[in-house]
């Protein structure tokens, strides 16, 4: 390994933790600790938040968590030997030791996930192995015999992204309620102001779509203003005045009345959030550290880190907003790596690892270590075999959960046997999931505060995965 490579790996392992050293006395922590004390004195139940980090495009799970025992690693290396940069040197991988061994197998993380390795070793991160969209437990023999129902349109970005976020995988993009939104429908009543239960930093998300709960869209600049009110509608002040009139005049038309209610509700929520969320930077939530871009070998701003900083700024305002349960959706795009995967995936995983470590440290220093849980999701995994310099659409994949309530330092679910024509291989290393989204999500939902009956209401297929489908990764 040359000096430049060693320096880069050392940076990835140490820089992000070092950047938090000055956080303990920041105004952010003073404010957060003050708000925590206020929350304890209020009648609201204990605060909890879920943060979904959606890796849009289909993250390569095979290249995220790698089995390093001799047989597994040889099979992995052989499958990816034809793709430049996708067959890693064993010495470049970041080893993790499981608290619960999986036979004689050993594991490591992608070389660019130093932040996640730090969290894993600290017992604050867990790996969920081979999770994906299912309707019922599924085997290769059942698929070949056409004897088990399958999610609609496997390997389709649009449909599988919808299936992951929706309450059931049965109808793919035909489902219009997300499991985050369905959970919020059942839990929003504990919030004084339900408008702040579901918040997205990445536009409107199916994940947060509920029957009664509305999602609020924000950016690092704050709430997104109502179009036509913040600036002239169609470039005309007369059009803006006409819209304002609709919003302030008593309406008889039912459509106009409902429109008025929706916009006024959104405007009020935006005003309260804009005045309540903590500022970014030295006088509020510390800025996320830059990451070392493996393509340019230069420091760069981390877009996922900025999104998670925005989440932290809103969490810091929870008492002012009157919430004790919140669900957030943030997104990191670019994972559709058919081409040029090695450098692109390295950049994305560096952003992911650095941002997750930053966010976790921010919550720890704010005294919210066990009250906020972040987890990854994605359209699907990718193939084990490569096509030139990338990979194709897959199915099951490996995911990461972080937070103080996580039973970290371990892997949950069954890591697959690596190689061609294995029992869980649909061809080219497309993994048949052995853990359903329902099991993964239902475990998070139980920690969030839903009862068993409510969880089965949110997830219609939950009972298909046994009498007690829960996993044990949450304390």
Protein backbone atom coordinates (compact mmCIF):
# COMPACT_ATOMS: atom_id res chain seq x y z
CA UNK A 1 0.00 0.00 0.00
CA UNK A 2 1.48 3.38 -0.92
CA UNK A 3 1.78 6.33 1.46
CA UNK A 4 -1.13 8.17 -0.13
CA UNK A 5 -3.49 5.20 0.33
CA UNK A 6 -2.41 4.74 3.94
CA UNK A 7 -2.93 8.43 4.71
CA UNK A 8 -6.39 8.33 3.18
CA UNK A 9 -7.44 5.25 5.17
CA UNK A 10 -6.04 6.78 8.36
CA UNK A 11 -8.04 9.95 7.66
CA UNK A 12 -11.26 7.99 7.14
CA UNK A 13 -10.80 6.12 10.42
CA UNK A 14 -9.88 9.09 12.63
CA UNK A 15 -10.81 12.46 11.16
CA UNK A 16 -14.53 12.43 11.79
CA UNK A 17 -14.23 11.55 15.48
CA UNK A 18 -11.51 14.16 15.91
CA UNK A 19 -13.81 16.80 14.42
CA UNK A 20 -16.28 16.28 17.28
CA UNK A 21 -13.76 17.08 19.99
CA UNK A 22 -14.88 20.69 20.28
CA UNK A 23 -18.60 19.98 20.41
CA UNK A 24 -19.02 19.43 24.13
CA UNK A 25 -19.29 23.12 25.02
CA UNK A 26 -21.07 24.36 21.90
CA UNK A 27 -24.23 26.49 22.12
CA UNK A 28 -25.98 23.59 20.38
CA UNK A 29 -25.38 21.32 23.35
CA UNK A 30 -26.42 23.99 25.84
CA UNK A 31 -29.66 24.45 23.92
CA UNK A 32 -30.23 20.73 23.45
CA UNK A 33 -29.61 19.97 27.11
CA UNK A 34 -31.95 22.79 28.08
CA UNK A 35 -34.63 21.40 25.79
CA UNK A 36 -34.07 17.92 27.18
CA UNK A 37 -34.68 19.24 30.69
CA UNK A 38 -37.83 21.00 29.52
CA UNK A 39 -39.09 17.80 27.91
CA UNK A 40 -38.56 15.86 31.15
CA UNK A 41 -40.65 18.41 33.04
CA UNK A 42 -43.50 18.28 30.50
CA UNK A 43 -46.37 15.82 30.32
CA UNK A 44 -45.16 14.45 26.97
CA UNK A 45 -43.87 10.86 26.89
CA UNK A 46 -40.18 10.25 26.31
CA UNK A 47 -38.93 11.51 22.97
CA UNK A 48 -38.09 9.04 20.19
CA UNK A 49 -37.23 9.54 16.56
CA UNK A 50 -36.58 7.29 13.58
CA UNK A 51 -34.40 8.51 10.73
CA UNK A 52 -34.63 6.60 7.44
CA UNK A 53 -31.52 7.05 5.27
CA UNK A 54 -32.61 5.92 1.82
CA UNK A 55 -29.76 4.93 -0.52
CA UNK A 56 -31.47 5.65 -3.81
CA UNK A 57 -30.57 3.56 -6.84
CA UNK A 58 -29.84 0.23 -5.17
CA UNK A 59 -26.80 -0.01 -2.89
CA UNK A 60 -24.31 -2.79 -3.58
CA UNK A 61 -24.67 -4.82 -0.39
CA UNK A 62 -22.11 -7.36 -1.60
CA UNK A 63 -19.54 -4.58 -1.61
CA UNK A 64 -20.71 -3.02 1.66
CA UNK A 65 -20.44 -5.95 4.09
CA UNK A 66 -17.97 -8.60 2.90
CA UNK A 67 -17.44 -12.10 4.28
CA UNK A 68 -13.68 -12.58 4.70
CA UNK A 69 -13.34 -16.24 5.68
CA UNK A 70 -11.28 -18.05 3.05
CA UNK A 71 -14.06 -19.76 1.10
CA UNK A 72 -16.32 -16.70 1.06
CA UNK A 73 -13.61 -14.22 0.17
CA UNK A 74 -12.21 -16.39 -2.60
CA UNK A 75 -15.70 -16.73 -4.12
CA UNK A 76 -16.26 -12.97 -3.81
CA UNK A 77 -12.91 -12.18 -5.40
CA UNK A 78 -13.50 -14.60 -8.26
CA UNK A 79 -16.98 -13.21 -8.98
CA UNK A 80 -15.66 -9.66 -9.17
CA UNK A 81 -12.24 -10.24 -10.67
CA UNK A 82 -13.31 -8.85 -14.04
CA UNK A 83 -14.38 -5.46 -12.67
CA UNK A 84 -11.64 -2.94 -11.85
CA UNK A 85 -11.75 -1.94 -8.20
CA UNK A 86 -14.66 -4.16 -7.16
CA UNK A 87 -12.54 -7.04 -5.84
CA UNK A 88 -10.89 -5.49 -2.78
CA UNK A 89 -7.58 -6.47 -1.29
CA UNK A 90 -8.18 -8.19 2.03
CA UNK A 91 -5.84 -5.80 3.81
CA UNK A 92 -7.87 -2.79 2.67
CA UNK A 93 -11.12 -4.00 4.25
CA UNK A 94 -12.22 -2.84 7.70
CA UNK A 95 -12.68 -5.94 9.92
CA UNK A 96 -15.58 -6.20 12.37
CA UNK A 97 -15.88 -8.84 15.09
CA UNK A 98 -19.41 -10.05 15.78
CA UNK A 99 -20.59 -10.54 19.34
CA UNK A 100 -22.53 -13.55 18.08
CA UNK A 101 -20.33 -15.50 15.64
CA UNK A 102 -21.90 -16.92 12.48
CA UNK A 103 -20.08 -20.23 12.41
CA UNK A 104 -16.49 -19.96 11.27
CA UNK A 105 -17.17 -16.95 9.08
CA UNK A 106 -15.49 -13.59 9.46
CA UNK A 107 -16.60 -10.21 8.14
CA UNK A 108 -15.40 -6.77 7.18
CA UNK A 109 -16.79 -3.48 5.93
CA UNK A 110 -16.00 -1.64 2.71
CA UNK A 111 -12.73 0.32 3.00
CA UNK A 112 -14.70 3.59 2.86
CA UNK A 113 -16.95 2.88 5.87
CA UNK A 114 -14.53 3.88 8.59
CA UNK A 115 -17.25 5.85 10.36
CA UNK A 116 -19.52 2.83 10.52
CA UNK A 117 -16.66 0.62 11.72
CA UNK A 118 -16.06 3.07 14.58
CA UNK A 119 -19.75 2.90 15.53
CA UNK A 120 -19.82 -0.89 15.23
CA UNK A 121 -16.76 -1.32 17.42
CA UNK A 122 -18.31 1.05 19.97
CA UNK A 123 -21.46 -1.10 20.09
CA UNK A 124 -23.57 1.61 18.47
CA UNK A 125 -24.17 0.03 15.05
CA UNK A 126 -25.60 -3.27 13.88
CA UNK A 127 -25.71 -5.00 10.51
CA UNK A 128 -29.00 -6.38 9.17
CA UNK A 129 -28.04 -9.16 6.76
CA UNK A 130 -29.81 -9.90 3.48
CA UNK A 131 -33.01 -7.94 3.99
CA UNK A 132 -35.45 -7.14 1.21
CA UNK A 133 -39.00 -7.02 -0.05
CA UNK A 134 -41.01 -10.19 0.57
CA UNK A 135 -44.66 -11.14 0.93
CA UNK A 136 -43.89 -14.41 2.73
CA UNK A 137 -40.75 -16.46 3.48
CA UNK A 138 -39.40 -17.49 0.09
CA UNK A 139 -37.01 -20.14 -1.14
CA UNK A 140 -35.46 -20.71 -4.54
CA UNK A 141 -37.42 -23.97 -4.97
CA UNK A 142 -40.70 -22.17 -4.24
CA UNK A 143 -39.89 -19.47 -6.79
CA UNK A 144 -39.03 -22.05 -9.42
CA UNK A 145 -42.27 -23.92 -8.66
CA UNK A 146 -44.26 -20.68 -8.74
CA UNK A 147 -45.71 -21.63 -5.36
CA UNK A 148 -45.07 -18.44 -3.38
CA UNK A 149 -46.28 -14.85 -4.00
CA UNK A 150 -43.54 -12.42 -4.96
CA UNK A 151 -43.32 -8.63 -4.79
CA UNK A 152 -44.42 -6.90 -7.96
CA UNK A 153 -41.80 -6.01 -10.59
CA UNK A 154 -38.65 -7.31 -8.94
CA UNK A 155 -35.45 -5.50 -10.01
CA UNK A 156 -37.41 -2.37 -11.07
CA UNK A 157 -36.13 0.81 -9.40
CA UNK A 158 -39.51 2.50 -9.30
CA UNK A 159 -41.48 -0.49 -8.08
CA UNK A 160 -38.95 -1.81 -5.58
CA UNK A 161 -38.28 1.61 -4.12
CA UNK A 162 -42.04 1.83 -3.59
CA UNK A 163 -42.21 -1.72 -2.21
CA UNK A 164 -39.49 -0.95 0.36
CA UNK A 165 -41.22 2.20 1.55
CA UNK A 166 -44.85 1.01 1.37
CA UNK A 167 -46.82 -0.88 4.01
CA UNK A 168 -46.78 -4.00 1.80
CA UNK A 169 -44.74 -5.21 -1.16
CA UNK A 170 -47.73 -6.86 -2.86
CA UNK A 171 -48.63 -4.06 -5.26
CA UNK A 172 -45.31 -2.31 -5.80
CA UNK A 173 -45.96 1.26 -6.91
CA UNK A 174 -49.72 0.70 -6.53
CA UNK A 175 -49.49 1.18 -2.73
CA UNK A 176 -49.89 4.79 -1.65
CA UNK A 177 -49.29 4.52 2.10
CA UNK A 178 -45.78 4.25 3.49
CA UNK A 179 -44.93 2.43 6.68
CA UNK A 180 -43.45 5.57 8.21
CA UNK A 181 -46.68 7.44 7.51
CA UNK A 182 -48.82 4.55 8.75
CA UNK A 183 -46.82 4.45 11.98
CA UNK A 184 -47.26 8.20 12.33
CA UNK A 185 -51.03 7.86 11.91
CA UNK A 186 -51.09 5.68 15.02
CA UNK A 187 -48.57 7.65 17.08
CA UNK A 188 -49.18 11.29 16.10
CA UNK A 189 -51.79 11.76 18.83
CA UNK A 190 -49.02 11.83 21.47
CA UNK A 191 -47.72 15.00 19.79
CA UNK A 192 -49.23 18.33 20.71
CA UNK A 193 -48.68 19.49 17.14
CA UNK A 194 -49.05 16.65 14.63
CA UNK A 195 -47.73 18.77 11.75
CA UNK A 196 -44.17 17.96 12.79
CA UNK A 197 -44.50 14.19 13.08
CA UNK A 198 -43.25 13.36 9.54
CA UNK A 199 -40.47 15.43 8.00
CA UNK A 200 -38.52 14.88 4.77
CA UNK A 201 -35.34 16.61 3.63
CA UNK A 202 -35.68 14.97 0.20
CA UNK A 203 -39.03 16.06 -1.18
CA UNK A 204 -42.27 14.13 -0.89
CA UNK A 205 -41.56 10.51 0.08
CA UNK A 206 -43.88 7.52 -0.13
CA UNK A 207 -42.31 6.33 3.13
CA UNK A 208 -43.94 9.23 5.01
CA UNK A 209 -47.33 9.11 3.28
CA UNK A 210 -50.10 8.37 5.77
CA UNK A 211 -53.87 8.41 5.77
CA UNK A 212 -54.17 11.27 8.27
CA UNK A 213 -50.61 12.43 8.81
CA UNK A 214 -49.04 14.98 6.50
CA UNK A 215 -45.33 15.21 5.74
CA UNK A 216 -43.47 18.49 5.90
CA UNK A 217 -40.69 19.14 3.38
CA UNK A 218 -37.60 21.03 4.52
CA UNK A 219 -34.12 21.90 3.28
CA UNK A 220 -31.02 23.13 5.07
CA UNK A 221 -32.45 26.63 4.54
CA UNK A 222 -35.54 25.65 6.53
CA UNK A 223 -39.15 24.88 5.56
CA UNK A 224 -39.97 25.09 1.87
CA UNK A 225 -42.23 28.16 1.39
CA UNK A 226 -45.63 28.04 -0.29
CA UNK A 227 -45.24 28.73 -3.99
CA UNK A 228 -47.01 31.91 -5.07
CA UNK A 229 -46.93 33.46 -1.59
CA UNK A 230 -43.21 33.74 -0.96
CA UNK A 231 -42.69 35.09 -4.49
CA UNK A 232 -45.04 36.48 -7.17
CA UNK A 233 -47.30 33.80 -8.62
CA UNK A 234 -46.55 33.42 -12.35
CA UNK A 235 -44.43 36.56 -11.94
CA UNK A 236 -47.54 38.63 -11.21
CA UNK A 237 -48.37 40.46 -8.01
CA UNK A 238 -52.01 40.44 -9.07
CA UNK A 239 -52.00 36.64 -9.16
CA UNK A 240 -50.40 36.56 -5.71
CA UNK A 241 -53.06 38.95 -4.39
CA UNK A 242 -55.79 36.73 -5.84
CA UNK A 243 -54.29 33.67 -4.14
CA UNK A 244 -54.00 35.56 -0.85
CA UNK A 245 -57.65 36.51 -1.15
CA UNK A 246 -58.66 32.87 -1.47
CA UNK A 247 -56.72 32.11 1.67
CA UNK A 248 -58.19 34.92 3.77
CA UNK A 249 -61.78 35.10 2.55
CA UNK A 250 -64.57 32.84 3.80
CA UNK A 251 -65.15 30.25 1.08
CA UNK A 252 -68.39 28.46 0.15
CA UNK A 253 -66.91 26.23 -2.53
CA UNK A 254 -65.80 22.97 -0.89
CA UNK A 255 -62.67 22.68 -3.02
CA UNK A 256 -61.63 26.25 -2.20
CA UNK A 257 -62.40 25.70 1.48
CA UNK A 258 -60.21 22.60 1.63
CA UNK A 259 -57.43 24.30 -0.34
CA UNK A 260 -57.59 27.19 2.11
CA UNK A 261 -57.31 24.83 5.08
CA UNK A 262 -54.37 22.91 3.63
CA UNK A 263 -52.33 25.99 2.69
CA UNK A 264 -53.05 27.81 5.95
CA UNK A 265 -52.05 24.71 7.91
CA UNK A 266 -48.80 24.47 5.95
CA UNK A 267 -48.08 28.17 6.32
CA UNK A 268 -48.56 28.04 10.10
CA UNK A 269 -46.31 24.98 10.37
CA UNK A 270 -43.61 26.61 8.28
CA UNK A 271 -43.65 29.76 10.38
CA UNK A 272 -43.35 27.84 13.65
CA UNK A 273 -40.61 25.55 12.37
CA UNK A 274 -38.63 28.44 10.84
CA UNK A 275 -38.65 30.28 14.17
CA UNK A 276 -37.93 27.18 16.27
CA UNK A 277 -35.33 24.99 14.54
CA UNK A 278 -31.81 25.53 15.77
CA UNK A 279 -29.32 27.39 13.57
CA UNK A 280 -26.51 25.61 11.76
CA UNK A 281 -22.89 26.18 12.63
CA UNK A 282 -21.02 27.57 15.61
CA UNK A 283 -24.10 29.11 17.21
CA UNK A 284 -26.23 26.01 16.85
CA UNK A 285 -25.81 22.49 15.49
CA UNK A 286 -22.15 22.05 14.49
CA UNK A 287 -21.54 21.69 10.77
CA UNK A 288 -20.79 18.15 9.58
CA UNK A 289 -17.14 17.43 8.83
CA UNK A 290 -16.00 17.39 5.24
CA UNK A 291 -15.11 14.02 3.79
CA UNK A 292 -12.07 13.05 1.78
CA UNK A 293 -13.40 12.46 -1.73
CA UNK A 294 -11.74 9.28 -3.03
CA UNK A 295 -12.14 10.45 -6.62
CA UNK A 296 -10.53 13.89 -6.30
CA UNK A 297 -8.53 13.12 -3.12
CA UNK A 298 -9.72 16.50 -1.82
CA UNK A 299 -11.94 17.47 1.07
CA UNK A 300 -15.55 18.13 0.07
CA UNK A 301 -18.85 19.03 1.71
CA UNK A 302 -21.04 16.06 2.57
CA UNK A 303 -24.65 16.42 1.29
CA UNK A 304 -25.91 13.60 3.51
CA UNK A 305 -24.20 15.18 6.49
CA UNK A 306 -26.01 18.46 5.77
CA UNK A 307 -29.36 16.63 5.59
CA UNK A 308 -28.70 14.93 8.93
CA UNK A 309 -27.64 18.26 10.41
CA UNK A 310 -31.05 19.61 9.34
CA UNK A 311 -32.70 16.69 11.12
CA UNK A 312 -30.67 17.46 14.26
CA UNK A 313 -31.71 21.12 14.09
CA UNK A 314 -35.37 20.10 14.04
CA UNK A 315 -34.92 17.55 16.82
CA UNK A 316 -33.40 20.35 18.87
CA UNK A 317 -36.69 22.24 18.54
CA UNK A 318 -38.87 19.33 19.65
CA UNK A 319 -40.18 20.99 22.81
CA UNK A 320 -41.08 24.20 21.01
CA UNK A 321 -42.76 22.15 18.29
CA UNK A 322 -44.67 20.03 20.80
CA UNK A 323 -43.54 16.60 19.62
CA UNK A 324 -42.37 13.46 21.36
CA UNK A 325 -42.43 11.15 18.32
CA UNK A 326 -40.94 12.04 14.94
CA UNK A 327 -40.07 10.17 11.74
CA UNK A 328 -37.55 11.62 9.27
CA UNK A 329 -36.66 10.71 5.70
CA UNK A 330 -33.32 11.68 4.14
CA UNK A 331 -31.89 10.44 0.86
CA UNK A 332 -28.51 9.89 -0.71
CA UNK A 333 -28.71 9.26 -4.45
CA UNK A 334 -26.35 7.85 -7.05
CA UNK A 335 -26.35 4.13 -6.17
CA UNK A 336 -27.47 2.92 -9.61
CA UNK A 337 -23.91 1.87 -10.39
CA UNK A 338 -24.06 0.00 -13.69
CA UNK A 339 -20.88 1.78 -14.77
CA UNK A 340 -17.86 3.27 -13.06
CA UNK A 341 -18.93 1.67 -9.80
CA UNK A 342 -15.63 1.46 -7.95
CA UNK A 343 -14.96 5.21 -7.60
CA UNK A 344 -18.62 6.20 -7.39
CA UNK A 345 -19.49 3.65 -4.72
CA UNK A 346 -16.37 4.60 -2.77
CA UNK A 347 -17.47 8.25 -2.76
CA UNK A 348 -21.03 7.41 -1.68
CA UNK A 349 -20.01 5.05 1.12
CA UNK A 350 -17.49 7.59 2.39
CA UNK A 351 -20.31 10.13 2.57
CA UNK A 352 -22.54 7.59 4.29
CA UNK A 353 -20.03 6.48 6.91
CA UNK A 354 -18.87 9.99 7.73
CA UNK A 355 -22.44 11.32 7.96
CA UNK A 356 -23.75 8.49 10.13
CA UNK A 357 -20.87 8.86 12.56
CA UNK A 358 -21.37 12.64 12.68
CA UNK A 359 -25.09 12.32 13.34
CA UNK A 360 -24.62 9.69 16.03
CA UNK A 361 -22.01 11.80 17.82
CA UNK A 362 -24.32 14.81 17.60
CA UNK A 363 -27.12 12.87 19.28
CA UNK A 364 -24.76 11.48 21.94
CA UNK A 365 -23.45 14.93 22.82
CA UNK A 366 -27.02 16.24 22.94
CA UNK A 367 -28.04 13.64 25.52
CA UNK A 368 -30.26 11.82 23.03
CA UNK A 369 -28.12 8.74 22.62
CA UNK A 370 -30.91 6.20 23.14
CA UNK A 371 -33.78 8.26 21.79
CA UNK A 372 -32.84 8.54 18.10
CA UNK A 373 -32.27 5.59 15.77
CA UNK A 374 -31.02 5.91 12.18
CA UNK A 375 -31.25 3.10 9.66
CA UNK A 376 -30.51 2.52 5.98
CA UNK A 377 -32.86 1.33 3.24
CA UNK A 378 -32.51 1.05 -0.53
CA UNK A 379 -34.41 -0.03 -3.66
CA UNK A 380 -32.61 -3.38 -3.66
CA UNK A 381 -29.14 -4.88 -3.58
CA UNK A 382 -27.02 -5.55 -6.62
CA UNK A 383 -25.56 -8.58 -8.33
CA UNK A 384 -22.47 -10.34 -7.03
CA UNK A 385 -21.10 -10.66 -10.54
CA UNK A 386 -20.02 -7.57 -12.43
CA UNK A 387 -20.90 -6.33 -15.88
CA UNK A 388 -17.74 -4.65 -17.12
CA UNK A 389 -17.14 -1.98 -14.45
CA UNK A 390 -20.43 -2.05 -12.54
CA UNK A 391 -23.20 -4.32 -11.24
CA UNK A 392 -26.82 -4.97 -12.17
CA UNK A 393 -30.05 -4.79 -10.18
CA UNK A 394 -30.43 -7.35 -7.41
CA UNK A 395 -32.83 -8.09 -4.55
CA UNK A 396 -31.69 -8.69 -0.97
CA UNK A 397 -29.01 -6.47 0.58
CA UNK A 398 -27.31 -5.62 3.87
CA UNK A 399 -28.25 -2.62 5.98
CA UNK A 400 -26.95 -0.60 8.92
CA UNK A 401 -28.76 0.60 12.05
CA UNK A 402 -27.16 3.07 14.47
CA UNK A 403 -27.99 4.62 17.84
CA UNK A 404 -27.68 4.04 21.56
CA UNK A 405 -30.78 1.84 21.68
CA UNK A 406 -29.28 -0.52 19.09
CA UNK A 407 -27.82 -3.80 20.28
CA UNK A 408 -24.70 -3.02 18.31
CA UNK A 409 -21.52 -4.83 17.47
CA UNK A 410 -23.42 -7.69 15.91
CA UNK A 411 -25.08 -8.98 12.76
CA UNK A 412 -28.76 -9.91 12.65
CA UNK A 413 -30.28 -12.24 10.10
CA UNK A 414 -28.48 -14.80 7.98
CA UNK A 415 -25.53 -13.75 5.84
CA UNK A 416 -25.67 -15.69 2.54
CA UNK A 417 -23.26 -18.26 1.21
CA UNK A 418 -21.18 -16.52 -1.44
CA UNK A 419 -20.79 -18.04 -4.88
CA UNK A 420 -22.74 -18.95 -8.00
CA UNK A 421 -25.83 -21.19 -7.96
CA UNK A 422 -26.20 -21.10 -4.19
CA UNK A 423 -29.54 -21.86 -2.53
CA UNK A 424 -30.40 -18.19 -2.11
CA UNK A 425 -29.07 -17.06 -5.52
CA UNK A 426 -31.53 -16.14 -8.25
CA UNK A 427 -28.67 -15.88 -10.71
CA UNK A 428 -25.58 -13.64 -10.90
CA UNK A 429 -25.65 -13.32 -7.12
CA UNK A 430 -29.12 -11.78 -6.88
CA UNK A 431 -29.94 -12.67 -3.28
CA UNK A 432 -33.32 -13.99 -2.21
CA UNK A 433 -33.89 -12.06 1.04
CA UNK A 434 -33.86 -14.09 4.24
CA UNK A 435 -35.10 -11.15 6.33
CA UNK A 436 -38.19 -9.26 5.21
CA UNK A 437 -38.62 -5.51 5.28
CA UNK A 438 -41.55 -6.20 7.64
CA UNK A 439 -39.27 -7.88 10.19
CA UNK A 440 -36.70 -5.08 9.94
CA UNK A 441 -39.33 -2.33 10.08
CA UNK A 442 -41.55 -4.04 12.65
CA UNK A 443 -38.65 -4.23 15.07
CA UNK A 444 -38.05 -0.50 14.64
CA UNK A 445 -41.78 0.17 15.05
CA UNK A 446 -41.92 -1.72 18.36
CA UNK A 447 -39.03 0.36 19.71
CA UNK A 448 -40.81 3.49 18.45
CA UNK A 449 -43.76 2.63 20.68
CA UNK A 450 -46.29 0.72 18.59
CA UNK A 451 -48.05 -2.24 20.15
CA UNK A 452 -48.00 -5.66 18.53
CA UNK A 453 -51.54 -5.11 17.30
CA UNK A 454 -50.65 -1.74 15.80
CA UNK A 455 -47.61 -3.21 14.07
CA UNK A 456 -49.75 -5.89 12.47
CA UNK A 457 -52.14 -3.13 11.40
CA UNK A 458 -49.31 -1.18 9.75
CA UNK A 459 -47.78 -4.24 8.07
CA UNK A 460 -50.49 -6.50 6.58
CA UNK A 461 -47.93 -9.22 5.81
CA UNK A 462 -46.21 -9.17 9.20
CA UNK A 463 -47.91 -12.36 10.40
CA UNK A 464 -46.61 -14.25 7.35
CA UNK A 465 -43.16 -14.36 8.94
CA UNK A 466 -43.96 -16.40 12.03
CA UNK A 467 -45.80 -15.95 15.31
CA UNK A 468 -43.16 -13.49 16.52
CA UNK A 469 -41.34 -12.04 13.51
CA UNK A 470 -39.40 -9.46 15.51
CA UNK A 471 -35.63 -9.24 15.40
CA UNK A 472 -33.45 -8.55 18.45
CA UNK A 473 -31.30 -5.64 17.27
CA UNK A 474 -33.21 -3.02 19.31
CA UNK A 475 -32.96 -2.75 23.09
